[in-house]
Protein backbone atom coordinates (compact mmCIF):
# COMPACT_ATOMS: atom_id res chain seq x y z
CA MET A 1 37.71 -27.48 49.02
CA LEU A 2 37.06 -26.34 45.46
CA LYS A 3 35.89 -29.82 44.60
CA ASN A 4 33.35 -29.83 47.42
CA ARG A 5 32.07 -26.41 46.44
CA LEU A 6 31.46 -27.50 42.85
CA LYS A 7 29.50 -30.51 44.06
CA ASP A 8 27.20 -28.33 46.21
CA GLN A 9 25.98 -26.12 43.33
CA LYS A 10 22.41 -26.74 42.26
CA GLY A 11 20.52 -25.77 39.09
CA PHE A 12 17.17 -24.05 38.72
CA THR A 13 14.06 -25.88 39.77
CA LEU A 14 11.28 -26.59 37.29
CA ILE A 15 9.03 -24.04 39.03
CA GLU A 16 11.66 -21.31 38.68
CA LEU A 17 12.04 -22.04 34.96
CA LEU A 18 8.26 -22.01 34.47
CA ALA A 19 7.99 -18.68 36.30
CA VAL A 20 10.59 -17.13 33.98
CA ILE A 21 8.79 -18.49 30.90
CA VAL A 22 5.44 -17.12 32.12
CA ILE A 23 6.96 -13.69 32.78
CA LEU A 24 8.53 -13.65 29.30
CA GLY A 25 5.17 -14.64 27.80
CA ILE A 26 3.41 -11.79 29.58
CA ILE A 27 6.01 -9.29 28.38
CA ALA A 28 5.67 -10.59 24.80
CA ALA A 29 1.86 -10.38 24.98
CA ILE A 30 2.14 -6.72 25.94
CA ALA A 31 4.96 -5.75 23.58
CA ILE A 32 3.86 -7.39 20.31
CA PRO A 33 0.57 -5.45 19.87
CA SER A 34 2.37 -2.23 20.74
CA ILE A 35 5.06 -2.86 18.15
CA LEU A 36 2.47 -3.77 15.51
CA GLY A 37 0.59 -0.55 16.31
CA ILE A 38 3.76 1.48 15.90
CA ILE A 39 4.45 -0.16 12.53
CA GLY A 40 0.87 0.53 11.39
CA ASN A 41 1.07 4.17 12.45
CA THR A 42 4.39 4.55 10.66
CA LYS A 43 2.83 3.27 7.43
CA LYS A 44 -0.12 5.64 7.87
CA ASP A 45 2.29 8.53 8.39
CA ALA A 46 4.09 7.57 5.18
CA HIS A 47 0.77 7.63 3.28
CA ILE A 48 0.00 11.05 4.75
CA ALA A 49 3.41 12.34 3.66
CA ASN A 50 2.76 11.02 0.15
CA ALA A 51 -0.65 12.75 0.02
CA LYS A 52 0.94 16.00 1.18
CA GLN A 53 3.60 15.63 -1.52
CA MET A 54 0.82 15.28 -4.09
CA VAL A 55 -0.82 18.48 -2.84
CA SER A 56 2.48 20.38 -2.92
CA SER A 57 3.27 19.17 -6.44
CA ALA A 58 -0.24 20.13 -7.57
CA GLN A 59 0.35 23.62 -6.18
CA MET A 60 3.55 23.80 -8.24
CA ALA A 61 1.59 22.69 -11.31
CA ILE A 62 -0.99 25.43 -10.69
CA ALA A 63 1.73 28.06 -10.38
CA SER A 64 3.40 26.99 -13.64
CA ASN A 65 0.27 26.39 -15.73
CA SER A 66 -2.23 29.25 -15.99
CA ASP A 67 -4.86 26.91 -17.50
CA LEU A 68 -5.20 25.25 -14.09
CA GLN A 69 -6.15 28.53 -12.40
CA ALA A 70 -9.72 28.48 -13.72
CA ASN A 71 -12.50 25.87 -13.68
CA THR A 72 -12.26 22.43 -12.07
CA HIS A 73 -9.42 20.04 -12.86
CA PHE A 74 -8.21 16.72 -11.52
CA LEU A 75 -4.48 16.12 -11.60
CA THR A 76 -3.89 12.40 -11.49
CA LEU A 77 -0.88 10.86 -9.82
CA GLY A 78 0.33 9.71 -13.23
CA TYR A 79 0.05 13.25 -14.62
CA LEU A 80 2.06 14.71 -11.75
CA GLU A 81 4.75 12.05 -12.20
CA THR A 82 5.02 12.20 -16.00
CA LYS A 83 5.11 16.02 -16.05
CA GLY A 84 7.95 16.04 -13.52
CA TYR A 85 6.09 17.73 -10.67
CA LEU A 86 6.48 14.65 -8.49
CA GLU A 87 8.98 11.81 -8.31
CA LYS A 88 7.65 8.26 -8.36
CA VAL A 89 5.67 7.76 -5.17
CA ASP A 90 6.12 4.41 -3.43
CA ASP A 91 3.34 2.79 -1.43
CA PRO A 92 4.61 1.73 2.05
CA ASN A 93 2.41 -1.39 1.79
CA GLY A 94 4.20 -2.42 -1.39
CA SER A 95 1.03 -2.76 -3.47
CA GLY A 96 1.57 0.47 -5.42
CA TYR A 97 -0.72 3.47 -5.70
CA LEU A 98 -3.48 3.41 -8.28
CA SER A 99 -3.33 5.92 -11.12
CA ALA A 100 -6.04 5.43 -13.73
CA THR A 101 -4.58 7.78 -16.32
CA ASP A 102 -1.53 9.87 -17.05
CA ASP A 103 -3.71 12.70 -18.34
CA LEU A 104 -5.08 15.87 -16.86
CA VAL A 105 -8.83 15.47 -16.28
CA THR A 106 -10.91 18.60 -16.76
CA GLY A 107 -14.51 18.80 -15.59
CA THR A 108 -16.54 18.15 -12.48
CA THR A 109 -16.34 14.33 -12.54
CA ALA A 110 -13.47 12.79 -10.64
CA PRO A 111 -11.53 9.90 -12.16
CA ALA A 112 -13.38 6.66 -11.40
CA THR A 113 -10.28 4.97 -10.02
CA GLY A 114 -6.86 6.09 -9.02
CA SER A 115 -5.14 8.82 -7.09
CA TYR A 116 -5.67 12.49 -7.87
CA VAL A 117 -5.69 16.05 -6.59
CA LYS A 118 -8.80 18.18 -7.20
CA ILE A 119 -8.28 21.81 -8.19
CA GLU A 120 -11.08 24.37 -8.23
CA SER A 121 -10.38 27.91 -9.43
CA GLY A 122 -6.65 27.50 -8.92
CA LYS A 123 -6.90 26.09 -5.37
CA VAL A 124 -6.38 22.53 -4.19
CA THR A 125 -9.68 21.44 -2.65
CA ALA A 126 -9.20 17.70 -2.17
CA VAL A 127 -6.71 14.89 -2.51
CA MET A 128 -7.36 11.19 -3.00
CA LEU A 129 -4.50 8.72 -2.70
CA LYS A 130 -5.50 5.11 -3.34
CA SER A 131 -3.73 1.81 -3.30
CA ALA A 132 -5.08 -1.71 -3.14
CA LYS A 133 -5.23 -1.47 0.66
CA VAL A 134 -5.21 2.19 1.64
CA THR A 135 -7.14 5.34 0.87
CA VAL A 136 -6.10 8.77 2.08
CA ASP A 137 -8.27 11.84 1.96
CA GLU A 138 -8.75 14.85 4.18
CA HIS A 139 -12.08 13.69 5.62
CA GLY A 140 -11.17 10.46 7.38
CA LYS A 141 -14.12 8.34 6.26
CA ALA A 142 -13.18 7.76 2.61
CA ALA A 143 -14.44 4.71 0.82
CA VAL A 144 -11.95 2.86 -1.31
CA THR A 145 -14.25 3.00 -4.34
CA GLY A 146 -15.57 6.55 -4.05
CA PRO A 147 -14.11 10.02 -4.41
CA PRO A 148 -13.96 12.36 -1.43
CA ALA A 149 -16.60 14.99 -0.81
CA VAL A 150 -15.43 18.55 -1.31
CA PRO A 151 -14.97 20.27 2.04
CA ALA A 152 -17.11 23.33 2.78
CA GLU A 153 -14.17 25.37 4.02
CA PRO A 154 -10.93 25.95 2.11
CA PHE A 155 -8.74 22.88 1.95
CA LYS A 156 -5.68 22.76 4.16
CA ILE A 157 -2.90 20.22 4.06
CA SER A 158 -3.17 20.03 7.84
CA HIS A 159 -6.62 18.41 7.41
CA ILE A 160 -4.83 15.22 6.44
CA THR A 161 -4.22 13.33 9.67
CA ARG A 162 -3.50 9.77 10.71
CA ASP A 163 -7.25 9.32 11.19
CA SER A 164 -7.69 10.18 7.49
CA VAL A 165 -6.03 6.94 6.47
CA VAL A 166 -8.47 4.10 5.85
CA VAL A 167 -6.89 0.65 5.66
CA THR A 168 -8.87 -2.15 4.07
CA PRO A 169 -8.13 -5.82 4.72
């Protein structure tokens, strides 16, 4: 009886196998873009966290250095790292953030390249975080080669959002 039962079993038909493959293909076509979007948003969130860290470390620098409480200054990423206000910041894309100089830049002209925090009269008014592929500022439409415009209202860290991250190919 067991022998007869084993002989009667049949496998899947070609149409059944094709239907399963088509269903798996449809699921993959839906899931892959969603997963890639989640990965992209996670990287943008990491850039935002890094920009917020720069702002917080610049605020610590202002509190500890009375020279920064007057006039306009630009604290570069290299300055914040070498002075110990900020640990080395890693770029989630792996290309590394740009820091043109390790010096404090005083004056109204932003550093031509690199990442920096702008301070006016002891207040952080802008942040620019650049890498080879990403720029973060609080305005959302930053160009990779240009500094951000100074906002009309007082700068807030909450201005930096996921939409503020511009990714270049």
